[in-house]
Amino acid sequence: MEQVLEVLAHYTSLAIDVIAVVIVAVGTIETTFAVFRVVVGAMPDPGRRALWLRYARWLSAGLTFQLAADIVHTSIRPSWDEVGRLAATAAIRTFLTVFLDRDIEARRQREAQ
């Protein structure tokens, strides 16, 4: 039974990791095309800040899924290396989310004025 749980956790973690990679890849591709629009002058200056905030949202979503995968993976026989990886991912995600939320709120207040 324990072996089945380990295999299930491994494949679940792997699937969630794939989702995280897809999210980051899609966000990066979208942002790359948007940057090209900025370079050729098709995007106004205020849109540039929104572009980076949107990209940060993609990264935050990817980190959220990465954190979930790490939690699943670490739940079965965790090593100190895995616990450290989980802590680092959680810290980065928290840091990014706090500053992203702050930037989004500041942008909303500027738009409301």
C-alpha atoms as a PDB file:
ATOM      1  CA  MET A   1       0.000   0.000   0.000  1.00  0.00           C
ATOM      2  CA  GLU A   2       2.809   2.407   0.860  1.00  0.00           C
ATOM      3  CA  GLN A   3       4.464   1.696  -2.472  1.00  0.00           C
ATOM      4  CA  VAL A   4       1.242   2.486  -4.328  1.00  0.00           C
ATOM      5  CA  LEU A   5       0.975   5.782  -2.459  1.00  0.00           C
ATOM      6  CA  GLU A   6       4.581   6.645  -3.372  1.00  0.00           C
ATOM      7  CA  VAL A   7       3.942   5.933  -7.062  1.00  0.00           C
ATOM      8  CA  LEU A   8       0.689   7.909  -6.982  1.00  0.00           C
ATOM      9  CA  ALA A   9       2.409  10.865  -5.284  1.00  0.00           C
ATOM     10  CA  HIS A  10       5.262  10.727  -7.800  1.00  0.00           C
ATOM     11  CA  TYR A  11       2.969  10.836 -10.840  1.00  0.00           C
ATOM     12  CA  THR A  12       0.695  13.430  -9.270  1.00  0.00           C
ATOM     13  CA  SER A  13       3.702  15.632  -8.525  1.00  0.00           C
ATOM     14  CA  LEU A  14       4.995  15.115 -12.064  1.00  0.00           C
ATOM     15  CA  ALA A  15       1.634  16.067 -13.586  1.00  0.00           C
ATOM     16  CA  ILE A  16       1.428  19.226 -11.480  1.00  0.00           C
ATOM     17  CA  ASP A  17       5.013  20.103 -12.463  1.00  0.00           C
ATOM     18  CA  VAL A  18       4.034  19.795 -16.131  1.00  0.00           C
ATOM     19  CA  ILE A  19       1.121  22.160 -15.539  1.00  0.00           C
ATOM     20  CA  ALA A  20       3.501  24.648 -13.877  1.00  0.00           C
ATOM     21  CA  VAL A  21       5.892  24.497 -16.843  1.00  0.00           C
ATOM     22  CA  VAL A  22       3.036  25.007 -19.314  1.00  0.00           C
ATOM     23  CA  ILE A  23       1.754  28.017 -17.367  1.00  0.00           C
ATOM     24  CA  VAL A  24       5.183  29.665 -17.279  1.00  0.00           C
ATOM     25  CA  ALA A  25       5.783  28.840 -20.960  1.00  0.00           C
ATOM     26  CA  VAL A  26       2.441  30.304 -22.065  1.00  0.00           C
ATOM     27  CA  GLY A  27       3.016  33.427 -19.994  1.00  0.00           C
ATOM     28  CA  THR A  28       6.515  33.817 -21.401  1.00  0.00           C
ATOM     29  CA  ILE A  29       5.353  33.390 -24.983  1.00  0.00           C
ATOM     30  CA  GLU A  30       2.529  35.889 -24.474  1.00  0.00           C
ATOM     31  CA  THR A  31       4.916  38.390 -22.893  1.00  0.00           C
ATOM     32  CA  THR A  32       7.509  37.910 -25.617  1.00  0.00           C
ATOM     33  CA  PHE A  33       4.972  38.820 -28.295  1.00  0.00           C
ATOM     34  CA  ALA A  34       3.840  41.807 -26.228  1.00  0.00           C
ATOM     35  CA  VAL A  35       7.445  42.989 -25.867  1.00  0.00           C
ATOM     36  CA  PHE A  36       7.815  42.851 -29.654  1.00  0.00           C
ATOM     37  CA  ARG A  37       4.724  45.076 -29.930  1.00  0.00           C
ATOM     38  CA  VAL A  38       6.353  47.526 -27.511  1.00  0.00           C
ATOM     39  CA  VAL A  39       9.592  47.511 -29.506  1.00  0.00           C
ATOM     40  CA  VAL A  40       7.818  48.347 -32.755  1.00  0.00           C
ATOM     41  CA  GLY A  41       5.832  51.057 -30.968  1.00  0.00           C
ATOM     42  CA  ALA A  42       2.387  49.486 -31.194  1.00  0.00           C
ATOM     43  CA  MET A  43       1.850  49.603 -27.419  1.00  0.00           C
ATOM     44  CA  PRO A  44       1.475  52.837 -25.446  1.00  0.00           C
ATOM     45  CA  ASP A  45       3.768  53.531 -22.499  1.00  0.00           C
ATOM     46  CA  PRO A  46       1.110  52.854 -19.783  1.00  0.00           C
ATOM     47  CA  GLY A  47       0.569  49.415 -21.295  1.00  0.00           C
ATOM     48  CA  ARG A  48       4.146  48.432 -20.551  1.00  0.00           C
ATOM     49  CA  ARG A  49       3.609  48.329 -16.791  1.00  0.00           C
ATOM     50  CA  ALA A  50       0.460  46.276 -17.259  1.00  0.00           C
ATOM     51  CA  LEU A  51       2.450  43.899 -19.450  1.00  0.00           C
ATOM     52  CA  TRP A  52       4.962  43.163 -16.682  1.00  0.00           C
ATOM     53  CA  LEU A  53       2.209  42.844 -14.072  1.00  0.00           C
ATOM     54  CA  ARG A  54       0.448  40.312 -16.286  1.00  0.00           C
ATOM     55  CA  TYR A  55       3.684  38.373 -16.718  1.00  0.00           C
ATOM     56  CA  ALA A  56       4.200  38.410 -12.942  1.00  0.00           C
ATOM     57  CA  ARG A  57       0.719  36.905 -12.563  1.00  0.00           C
ATOM     58  CA  TRP A  58       1.694  34.081 -14.920  1.00  0.00           C
ATOM     59  CA  LEU A  59       4.857  33.467 -12.919  1.00  0.00           C
ATOM     60  CA  SER A  60       2.946  33.548  -9.655  1.00  0.00           C
ATOM     61  CA  ALA A  61       0.476  30.995 -11.002  1.00  0.00           C
ATOM     62  CA  GLY A  62       3.343  28.780 -12.156  1.00  0.00           C
ATOM     63  CA  LEU A  63       5.006  29.038  -8.760  1.00  0.00           C
ATOM     64  CA  THR A  64       1.733  28.131  -7.075  1.00  0.00           C
ATOM     65  CA  PHE A  65       1.543  24.925  -9.066  1.00  0.00           C
ATOM     66  CA  GLN A  66       5.240  24.268  -8.435  1.00  0.00           C
ATOM     67  CA  LEU A  67       4.618  24.664  -4.717  1.00  0.00           C
ATOM     68  CA  ALA A  68       1.719  22.212  -4.916  1.00  0.00           C
ATOM     69  CA  ALA A  69       3.917  19.692  -6.728  1.00  0.00           C
ATOM     70  CA  ASP A  70       6.644  20.096  -4.116  1.00  0.00           C
ATOM     71  CA  ILE A  71       4.143  19.607  -1.293  1.00  0.00           C
ATOM     72  CA  VAL A  72       2.871  16.373  -2.865  1.00  0.00           C
ATOM     73  CA  HIS A  73       6.398  15.142  -3.539  1.00  0.00           C
ATOM     74  CA  THR A  74       7.661  16.057  -0.068  1.00  0.00           C
ATOM     75  CA  SER A  75       4.704  14.406   1.659  1.00  0.00           C
ATOM     76  CA  ILE A  76       6.206  10.964   1.011  1.00  0.00           C
ATOM     77  CA  ARG A  77       9.539  10.362   2.799  1.00  0.00           C
ATOM     78  CA  PRO A  78      10.866  13.916   2.715  1.00  0.00           C
ATOM     79  CA  SER A  79      14.591  14.591   2.731  1.00  0.00           C
ATOM     80  CA  TRP A  80      16.148  17.801   4.025  1.00  0.00           C
ATOM     81  CA  ASP A  81      16.953  18.742   0.448  1.00  0.00           C
ATOM     82  CA  GLU A  82      13.289  18.432  -0.528  1.00  0.00           C
ATOM     83  CA  VAL A  83      12.152  20.367   2.546  1.00  0.00           C
ATOM     84  CA  GLY A  84      14.638  23.116   1.650  1.00  0.00           C
ATOM     85  CA  ARG A  85      13.347  23.212  -1.917  1.00  0.00           C
ATOM     86  CA  LEU A  86       9.783  23.447  -0.642  1.00  0.00           C
ATOM     87  CA  ALA A  87      10.706  26.280   1.729  1.00  0.00           C
ATOM     88  CA  ALA A  88      12.524  28.181  -1.034  1.00  0.00           C
ATOM     89  CA  THR A  89       9.605  27.816  -3.453  1.00  0.00           C
ATOM     90  CA  ALA A  90       7.142  28.941  -0.768  1.00  0.00           C
ATOM     91  CA  ALA A  91       9.297  31.957   0.109  1.00  0.00           C
ATOM     92  CA  ILE A  92       9.722  33.026  -3.536  1.00  0.00           C
ATOM     93  CA  ARG A  93       6.017  32.612  -4.242  1.00  0.00           C
ATOM     94  CA  THR A  94       5.065  34.579  -1.137  1.00  0.00           C
ATOM     95  CA  PHE A  95       7.552  37.353  -1.964  1.00  0.00           C
ATOM     96  CA  LEU A  96       6.311  37.593  -5.556  1.00  0.00           C
ATOM     97  CA  THR A  97       2.654  37.536  -4.552  1.00  0.00           C
ATOM     98  CA  VAL A  98       3.060  40.260  -1.919  1.00  0.00           C
ATOM     99  CA  PHE A  99       4.780  42.646  -4.336  1.00  0.00           C
ATOM    100  CA  LEU A 100       2.478  41.744  -7.211  1.00  0.00           C
ATOM    101  CA  ASP A 101      -0.587  42.470  -5.075  1.00  0.00           C
ATOM    102  CA  ARG A 102       0.964  45.773  -3.995  1.00  0.00           C
ATOM    103  CA  ASP A 103       1.647  46.772  -7.614  1.00  0.00           C
ATOM    104  CA  ILE A 104      -1.852  45.773  -8.729  1.00  0.00           C
ATOM    105  CA  GLU A 105      -3.422  47.816  -5.929  1.00  0.00           C
ATOM    106  CA  ALA A 106      -1.244  50.842  -6.760  1.00  0.00           C
ATOM    107  CA  ARG A 107      -2.269  50.554 -10.419  1.00  0.00           C
ATOM    108  CA  ARG A 108      -5.962  50.387  -9.466  1.00  0.00           C
ATOM    109  CA  GLN A 109      -5.619  53.502  -7.329  1.00  0.00           C
ATOM    110  CA  ARG A 110      -3.877  55.388 -10.180  1.00  0.00           C
ATOM    111  CA  GLU A 111      -6.603  54.350 -12.634  1.00  0.00           C
ATOM    112  CA  ALA A 112      -9.327  55.414 -10.177  1.00  0.00           C
ATOM    113  CA  GLN A 113      -7.892  58.944  -9.990  1.00  0.00           C
END
